[in-house]
Amino acid sequence: MIRQDNTEFLSAVLKLYLNLAETPPRASTNDRKSAAELHARGISLATVESALLLASMRRLARSPDMPPLSPIRSLAYFFPVIDEVLANPLPESYLDYLRRKVVLLSGRRKIN
């Protein structure tokens, strides 16, 4: 596996994070540190994207009868789901499904 350049990886992770529903409009210093930690751990961009989309889909598909969740304030929110995806990798075809489902549930036209 070829690892991406640190700057390229950080930019890609932060872009994925900020394009999700319920995330802040800008990355914080802590978000940048979290992205750097993911790079240092050698976690692939595909794993990060899968986890972010999976967590986002779970939030968006949540029953409207349940109390609302507070907005996501940090990239670190996704770390447990990243660990979950590392322990139980998702099939590559599932990533396309997650992208489509998050777009549908969020009402956005596209997840970049």
C-alpha atoms as a PDB file:
ATOM      1  CA  MET A   1       0.000   0.000   0.000  1.00  0.00           C
ATOM      2  CA  ILE A   2       1.353   3.419  -0.952  1.00  0.00           C
ATOM      3  CA  ARG A   3       0.856   6.009   1.788  1.00  0.00           C
ATOM      4  CA  GLN A   4      -0.230   9.469   0.792  1.00  0.00           C
ATOM      5  CA  ASP A   5       1.790  12.564   1.517  1.00  0.00           C
ATOM      6  CA  ASN A   6       0.907  13.972   4.938  1.00  0.00           C
ATOM      7  CA  THR A   7      -0.461  17.285   3.602  1.00  0.00           C
ATOM      8  CA  GLU A   8      -2.547  15.567   0.936  1.00  0.00           C
ATOM      9  CA  PHE A   9      -3.946  13.099   3.485  1.00  0.00           C
ATOM     10  CA  LEU A  10      -4.787  15.827   6.024  1.00  0.00           C
ATOM     11  CA  SER A  11      -6.547  17.911   3.374  1.00  0.00           C
ATOM     12  CA  ALA A  12      -8.551  14.922   2.137  1.00  0.00           C
ATOM     13  CA  VAL A  13      -9.623  13.863   5.636  1.00  0.00           C
ATOM     14  CA  LEU A  14     -10.644  17.378   6.632  1.00  0.00           C
ATOM     15  CA  LYS A  15     -12.568  17.842   3.385  1.00  0.00           C
ATOM     16  CA  LEU A  16     -14.479  14.599   3.974  1.00  0.00           C
ATOM     17  CA  TYR A  17     -15.218  15.634   7.557  1.00  0.00           C
ATOM     18  CA  LEU A  18     -16.375  19.161   6.732  1.00  0.00           C
ATOM     19  CA  ASN A  19     -18.626  17.996   3.878  1.00  0.00           C
ATOM     20  CA  LEU A  20     -20.750  15.901   6.217  1.00  0.00           C
ATOM     21  CA  ALA A  21     -24.016  17.109   7.694  1.00  0.00           C
ATOM     22  CA  GLU A  22     -23.824  18.317  11.285  1.00  0.00           C
ATOM     23  CA  THR A  23     -20.110  19.144  11.202  1.00  0.00           C
ATOM     24  CA  PRO A  24     -18.589  22.598  11.680  1.00  0.00           C
ATOM     25  CA  PRO A  25     -18.000  24.918   8.720  1.00  0.00           C
ATOM     26  CA  ARG A  26     -14.237  25.023   9.423  1.00  0.00           C
ATOM     27  CA  ALA A  27     -11.685  22.624  10.848  1.00  0.00           C
ATOM     28  CA  SER A  28     -10.231  23.454  14.236  1.00  0.00           C
ATOM     29  CA  THR A  29      -6.648  23.028  15.359  1.00  0.00           C
ATOM     30  CA  ASN A  30      -7.765  19.876  17.192  1.00  0.00           C
ATOM     31  CA  ASP A  31      -9.320  18.538  13.981  1.00  0.00           C
ATOM     32  CA  ARG A  32      -5.999  19.027  12.199  1.00  0.00           C
ATOM     33  CA  LYS A  33      -4.223  17.221  15.049  1.00  0.00           C
ATOM     34  CA  SER A  34      -6.757  14.372  14.842  1.00  0.00           C
ATOM     35  CA  ALA A  35      -6.208  14.057  11.089  1.00  0.00           C
ATOM     36  CA  ALA A  36      -2.438  14.012  11.669  1.00  0.00           C
ATOM     37  CA  GLU A  37      -2.921  11.282  14.276  1.00  0.00           C
ATOM     38  CA  LEU A  38      -4.841   9.173  11.752  1.00  0.00           C
ATOM     39  CA  HIS A  39      -2.002   9.607   9.259  1.00  0.00           C
ATOM     40  CA  ALA A  40       0.595   8.706  11.890  1.00  0.00           C
ATOM     41  CA  ARG A  41      -1.381   5.555  12.710  1.00  0.00           C
ATOM     42  CA  GLY A  42      -1.239   4.605   9.026  1.00  0.00           C
ATOM     43  CA  ILE A  43      -4.997   4.533   8.608  1.00  0.00           C
ATOM     44  CA  SER A  44      -6.029   4.618   4.960  1.00  0.00           C
ATOM     45  CA  LEU A  45      -8.178   7.363   3.528  1.00  0.00           C
ATOM     46  CA  ALA A  46     -10.711   4.715   2.445  1.00  0.00           C
ATOM     47  CA  THR A  47     -11.040   3.521   6.053  1.00  0.00           C
ATOM     48  CA  VAL A  48     -11.506   7.083   7.307  1.00  0.00           C
ATOM     49  CA  GLU A  49     -14.106   7.817   4.631  1.00  0.00           C
ATOM     50  CA  SER A  50     -15.975   4.589   5.371  1.00  0.00           C
ATOM     51  CA  ALA A  51     -16.108   5.394   9.080  1.00  0.00           C
ATOM     52  CA  LEU A  52     -17.188   8.999   8.582  1.00  0.00           C
ATOM     53  CA  LEU A  53     -19.947   7.984   6.192  1.00  0.00           C
ATOM     54  CA  LEU A  54     -21.085   5.090   8.392  1.00  0.00           C
ATOM     55  CA  ALA A  55     -21.335   7.279  11.484  1.00  0.00           C
ATOM     56  CA  SER A  56     -23.048  10.040   9.543  1.00  0.00           C
ATOM     57  CA  MET A  57     -25.567   7.616   8.047  1.00  0.00           C
ATOM     58  CA  ARG A  58     -26.340   6.218  11.498  1.00  0.00           C
ATOM     59  CA  ARG A  59     -27.033   9.706  12.794  1.00  0.00           C
ATOM     60  CA  LEU A  60     -29.106  10.751   9.783  1.00  0.00           C
ATOM     61  CA  ALA A  61     -31.156   7.525   9.758  1.00  0.00           C
ATOM     62  CA  ARG A  62     -31.944   7.804  13.457  1.00  0.00           C
ATOM     63  CA  SER A  63     -35.624   7.714  14.338  1.00  0.00           C
ATOM     64  CA  PRO A  64     -37.180  11.190  14.479  1.00  0.00           C
ATOM     65  CA  ASP A  65     -38.960  10.045  17.652  1.00  0.00           C
ATOM     66  CA  MET A  66     -35.660   9.966  19.511  1.00  0.00           C
ATOM     67  CA  PRO A  67     -34.221  13.087  21.148  1.00  0.00           C
ATOM     68  CA  PRO A  68     -32.033  15.086  18.760  1.00  0.00           C
ATOM     69  CA  LEU A  69     -28.279  14.644  18.922  1.00  0.00           C
ATOM     70  CA  SER A  70     -26.007  17.622  19.360  1.00  0.00           C
ATOM     71  CA  PRO A  71     -23.945  18.676  16.340  1.00  0.00           C
ATOM     72  CA  ILE A  72     -20.593  17.006  15.756  1.00  0.00           C
ATOM     73  CA  ARG A  73     -17.881  19.336  17.025  1.00  0.00           C
ATOM     74  CA  SER A  74     -14.729  17.345  16.411  1.00  0.00           C
ATOM     75  CA  LEU A  75     -13.144  14.879  14.011  1.00  0.00           C
ATOM     76  CA  ALA A  76     -12.258  12.850  17.128  1.00  0.00           C
ATOM     77  CA  TYR A  77     -15.995  12.018  17.415  1.00  0.00           C
ATOM     78  CA  PHE A  78     -15.408   9.505  14.613  1.00  0.00           C
ATOM     79  CA  PHE A  79     -12.431   7.685  16.187  1.00  0.00           C
ATOM     80  CA  PRO A  80     -14.530   4.868  17.734  1.00  0.00           C
ATOM     81  CA  VAL A  81     -16.162   4.194  14.356  1.00  0.00           C
ATOM     82  CA  ILE A  82     -12.761   4.250  12.650  1.00  0.00           C
ATOM     83  CA  ASP A  83     -11.619   1.606  15.139  1.00  0.00           C
ATOM     84  CA  GLU A  84     -14.816  -0.356  14.426  1.00  0.00           C
ATOM     85  CA  VAL A  85     -14.131  -0.284  10.675  1.00  0.00           C
ATOM     86  CA  LEU A  86     -10.514  -1.321  11.274  1.00  0.00           C
ATOM     87  CA  ALA A  87     -11.712  -4.313  13.305  1.00  0.00           C
ATOM     88  CA  ASN A  88     -14.470  -5.189  10.819  1.00  0.00           C
ATOM     89  CA  PRO A  89     -13.578  -3.817   7.366  1.00  0.00           C
ATOM     90  CA  LEU A  90     -16.464  -2.947   5.116  1.00  0.00           C
ATOM     91  CA  PRO A  91     -16.674  -4.353   1.598  1.00  0.00           C
ATOM     92  CA  GLU A  92     -15.459  -1.807  -0.941  1.00  0.00           C
ATOM     93  CA  SER A  93     -18.844  -1.863  -2.677  1.00  0.00           C
ATOM     94  CA  TYR A  94     -20.454  -0.722   0.585  1.00  0.00           C
ATOM     95  CA  LEU A  95     -18.607   2.589   0.396  1.00  0.00           C
ATOM     96  CA  ASP A  96     -20.589   3.589  -2.706  1.00  0.00           C
ATOM     97  CA  TYR A  97     -23.803   2.614  -0.913  1.00  0.00           C
ATOM     98  CA  LEU A  98     -22.839   4.754   2.094  1.00  0.00           C
ATOM     99  CA  ARG A  99     -22.070   7.741  -0.139  1.00  0.00           C
ATOM    100  CA  ARG A 100     -25.453   7.498  -1.841  1.00  0.00           C
ATOM    101  CA  LYS A 101     -27.337   6.936   1.415  1.00  0.00           C
ATOM    102  CA  VAL A 102     -25.709   9.903   3.191  1.00  0.00           C
ATOM    103  CA  VAL A 103     -26.483  12.154   0.234  1.00  0.00           C
ATOM    104  CA  LEU A 104     -30.091  10.966   0.229  1.00  0.00           C
ATOM    105  CA  LEU A 105     -30.554  11.358   3.982  1.00  0.00           C
ATOM    106  CA  SER A 106     -28.771  14.706   4.236  1.00  0.00           C
ATOM    107  CA  GLY A 107     -30.512  16.259   1.248  1.00  0.00           C
ATOM    108  CA  ARG A 108     -27.166  17.231  -0.270  1.00  0.00           C
ATOM    109  CA  ARG A 109     -26.385  16.736  -3.928  1.00  0.00           C
ATOM    110  CA  LYS A 110     -22.977  15.154  -3.475  1.00  0.00           C
ATOM    111  CA  ILE A 111     -20.429  14.129  -0.869  1.00  0.00           C
ATOM    112  CA  ASN A 112     -16.996  15.228  -2.094  1.00  0.00           C
END
